[in-house]
Amino acid sequence: MRITTPPPIGAVQTSQQPQRTDRPRSAFELPGAAKPETQTAGAGRPAVAAAGLETLLAVQGMQPDDRRERRRRAMSRGRQSLDLLDDLKLAMLSGEPMPSVLLKLRGLTAQHLEGTGDDGLDGLLAEIDLRAQVELAKREAAAKTG
């Protein structure tokens, strides 16, 4: 059995070449193992730059007219309309006039309803919008006669 000792701490091994710090390295390399062919320092960068450029263009290419975005906006508008109609109902039950709710509801119904691509959701939003317009027409008729 042969026992070998490690070299002294101050000893310098000259069999290895000094490693360049500007080349990419793997996390672990064995000292005597065959090294894979390395590319030049700039060879990997265009691929990374191209991937970054593609990502940037994809993010910039996302229009607000994206189907998910249209659906999100339509659902938000539907929730706002329902909340305002609920506020109007509470004001009517309490006997207090709420001109601010009427103004908000009028402004919301004045906006154009955009299609989301989902027929069920579009139909539901159209019904909510119609109900809001009916309530506004009722209030306007009551204000003219009263």
Protein backbone atom coordinates (compact mmCIF):
# COMPACT_ATOMS: atom_id res chain seq x y z
CA MET A 1 0.00 0.00 0.00
CA ARG A 2 1.34 3.33 -1.04
CA ILE A 3 0.63 6.47 0.91
CA THR A 4 1.07 9.82 -0.77
CA THR A 5 1.12 13.13 0.96
CA PRO A 6 -0.19 16.36 -0.45
CA PRO A 7 2.37 18.88 -1.63
CA PRO A 8 3.49 21.50 0.87
CA ILE A 9 1.31 24.59 1.13
CA GLY A 10 3.84 26.93 -0.41
CA ALA A 11 4.63 24.68 -3.37
CA VAL A 12 3.53 25.83 -6.81
CA GLN A 13 2.51 23.31 -9.42
CA THR A 14 3.63 24.26 -12.91
CA SER A 15 1.80 21.51 -14.78
CA GLN A 16 -1.44 23.51 -14.98
CA GLN A 17 -1.81 26.57 -17.12
CA PRO A 18 -3.15 29.70 -15.47
CA GLN A 19 -6.90 29.97 -15.99
CA ARG A 20 -8.36 32.94 -17.78
CA THR A 21 -10.93 34.83 -15.80
CA ASP A 22 -12.85 36.15 -18.82
CA ARG A 23 -14.00 32.75 -20.08
CA PRO A 24 -17.11 31.07 -18.73
CA ARG A 25 -16.45 28.07 -16.51
CA SER A 26 -18.57 25.27 -15.28
CA ALA A 27 -19.20 24.96 -11.58
CA PHE A 28 -16.78 22.06 -11.12
CA GLU A 29 -13.87 20.72 -13.18
CA LEU A 30 -11.57 17.86 -12.39
CA PRO A 31 -7.90 18.77 -12.74
CA GLY A 32 -6.91 15.86 -14.98
CA ALA A 33 -10.17 15.45 -16.91
CA ALA A 34 -10.48 16.18 -20.60
CA LYS A 35 -11.81 19.67 -21.11
CA PRO A 36 -14.63 20.26 -23.56
CA GLU A 37 -13.93 22.47 -26.49
CA THR A 38 -14.36 26.02 -25.38
CA GLN A 39 -15.74 28.74 -27.54
CA THR A 40 -14.24 32.14 -27.78
CA ALA A 41 -15.33 34.64 -25.19
CA GLY A 42 -17.68 36.51 -27.55
CA ALA A 43 -19.22 33.46 -29.22
CA GLY A 44 -21.90 32.92 -26.56
CA ARG A 45 -22.90 36.54 -26.25
CA PRO A 46 -24.84 37.03 -29.51
CA ALA A 47 -27.19 34.19 -28.57
CA VAL A 48 -27.81 35.78 -25.18
CA ALA A 49 -28.28 39.19 -26.77
CA ALA A 50 -30.67 37.76 -29.34
CA ALA A 51 -32.70 36.04 -26.65
CA GLY A 52 -32.87 39.29 -24.69
CA LEU A 53 -33.86 41.19 -27.81
CA GLU A 54 -36.60 38.68 -28.64
CA THR A 55 -37.96 38.98 -25.10
CA LEU A 56 -37.93 42.75 -25.28
CA LEU A 57 -39.72 42.74 -28.63
CA ALA A 58 -42.29 40.27 -27.32
CA VAL A 59 -43.02 42.47 -24.32
CA GLN A 60 -43.28 45.57 -26.49
CA GLY A 61 -45.47 43.68 -28.95
CA MET A 62 -48.06 42.92 -26.29
CA GLN A 63 -50.83 45.30 -27.16
CA PRO A 64 -53.49 46.31 -24.67
CA ASP A 65 -55.91 44.74 -27.16
CA ASP A 66 -54.73 41.31 -26.10
CA ARG A 67 -57.68 39.00 -25.48
CA ARG A 68 -56.91 38.58 -21.76
CA GLU A 69 -56.50 42.31 -21.34
CA ARG A 70 -59.82 43.02 -23.08
CA ARG A 71 -61.52 40.43 -20.88
CA ARG A 72 -59.98 41.92 -17.74
CA ARG A 73 -61.10 45.44 -18.69
CA ALA A 74 -64.60 44.24 -19.56
CA MET A 75 -64.95 42.39 -16.26
CA SER A 76 -63.72 45.44 -14.38
CA ARG A 77 -66.30 47.59 -16.15
CA GLY A 78 -69.03 45.07 -15.33
CA ARG A 79 -68.06 45.08 -11.65
CA GLN A 80 -68.03 48.88 -11.57
CA SER A 81 -71.46 49.02 -13.21
CA LEU A 82 -72.91 46.52 -10.74
CA ASP A 83 -71.39 48.39 -7.79
CA LEU A 84 -72.86 51.67 -9.02
CA LEU A 85 -76.26 50.09 -9.59
CA ASP A 86 -76.10 48.70 -6.05
CA ASP A 87 -75.21 52.14 -4.69
CA LEU A 88 -78.12 53.60 -6.64
CA LYS A 89 -80.47 50.99 -5.17
CA LEU A 90 -79.28 51.78 -1.63
CA ALA A 91 -79.73 55.50 -2.25
CA MET A 92 -83.24 54.92 -3.54
CA LEU A 93 -84.15 52.79 -0.52
CA SER A 94 -82.79 55.38 1.89
CA GLY A 95 -84.49 58.24 0.06
CA GLU A 96 -81.26 60.16 -0.47
CA PRO A 97 -80.41 61.50 -3.92
CA MET A 98 -76.96 60.49 -5.12
CA PRO A 99 -76.03 62.66 -8.09
CA SER A 100 -72.40 61.51 -7.95
CA VAL A 101 -73.46 57.89 -8.51
CA LEU A 102 -75.66 58.95 -11.43
CA LEU A 103 -72.79 60.90 -12.97
CA LYS A 104 -70.39 57.96 -12.62
CA LEU A 105 -72.97 55.58 -14.05
CA ARG A 106 -73.68 57.93 -16.97
CA GLY A 107 -69.94 58.21 -17.69
CA LEU A 108 -69.54 54.44 -17.57
CA THR A 109 -72.46 53.74 -19.90
CA ALA A 110 -71.28 56.43 -22.32
CA GLN A 111 -68.13 54.41 -23.01
CA HIS A 112 -68.23 51.99 -25.92
CA LEU A 113 -68.60 48.32 -24.98
CA GLU A 114 -65.77 46.41 -26.61
CA GLY A 115 -66.07 42.74 -27.44
CA THR A 116 -64.05 40.23 -25.46
CA GLY A 117 -64.44 37.28 -27.81
CA ASP A 118 -66.53 35.41 -25.22
CA ASP A 119 -70.18 35.52 -26.31
CA GLY A 120 -71.53 34.75 -22.84
CA LEU A 121 -69.50 37.49 -21.18
CA ASP A 122 -70.32 39.99 -23.93
CA GLY A 123 -74.04 39.24 -23.55
CA LEU A 124 -73.91 39.61 -19.78
CA LEU A 125 -72.06 42.91 -20.02
CA ALA A 126 -74.58 44.18 -22.56
CA GLU A 127 -77.42 43.32 -20.16
CA ILE A 128 -75.68 45.13 -17.28
CA ASP A 129 -75.11 48.14 -19.51
CA LEU A 130 -78.76 48.11 -20.63
CA ARG A 131 -79.95 47.95 -17.02
CA ALA A 132 -77.73 50.92 -16.12
CA GLN A 133 -79.13 52.91 -19.07
CA VAL A 134 -82.71 52.10 -18.01
CA GLU A 135 -82.01 53.30 -14.46
CA LEU A 136 -80.49 56.51 -15.80
CA ALA A 137 -83.50 57.08 -18.07
CA LYS A 138 -85.85 56.54 -15.10
CA ARG A 139 -83.98 59.12 -13.01
CA GLU A 140 -83.96 61.64 -15.86
CA ALA A 141 -87.70 61.16 -16.47
CA ALA A 142 -88.41 61.55 -12.73
CA ALA A 143 -86.31 64.72 -12.61
CA LYS A 144 -88.19 66.25 -15.57
CA THR A 145 -91.64 65.51 -14.16
CA GLY A 146 -90.87 66.29 -10.55
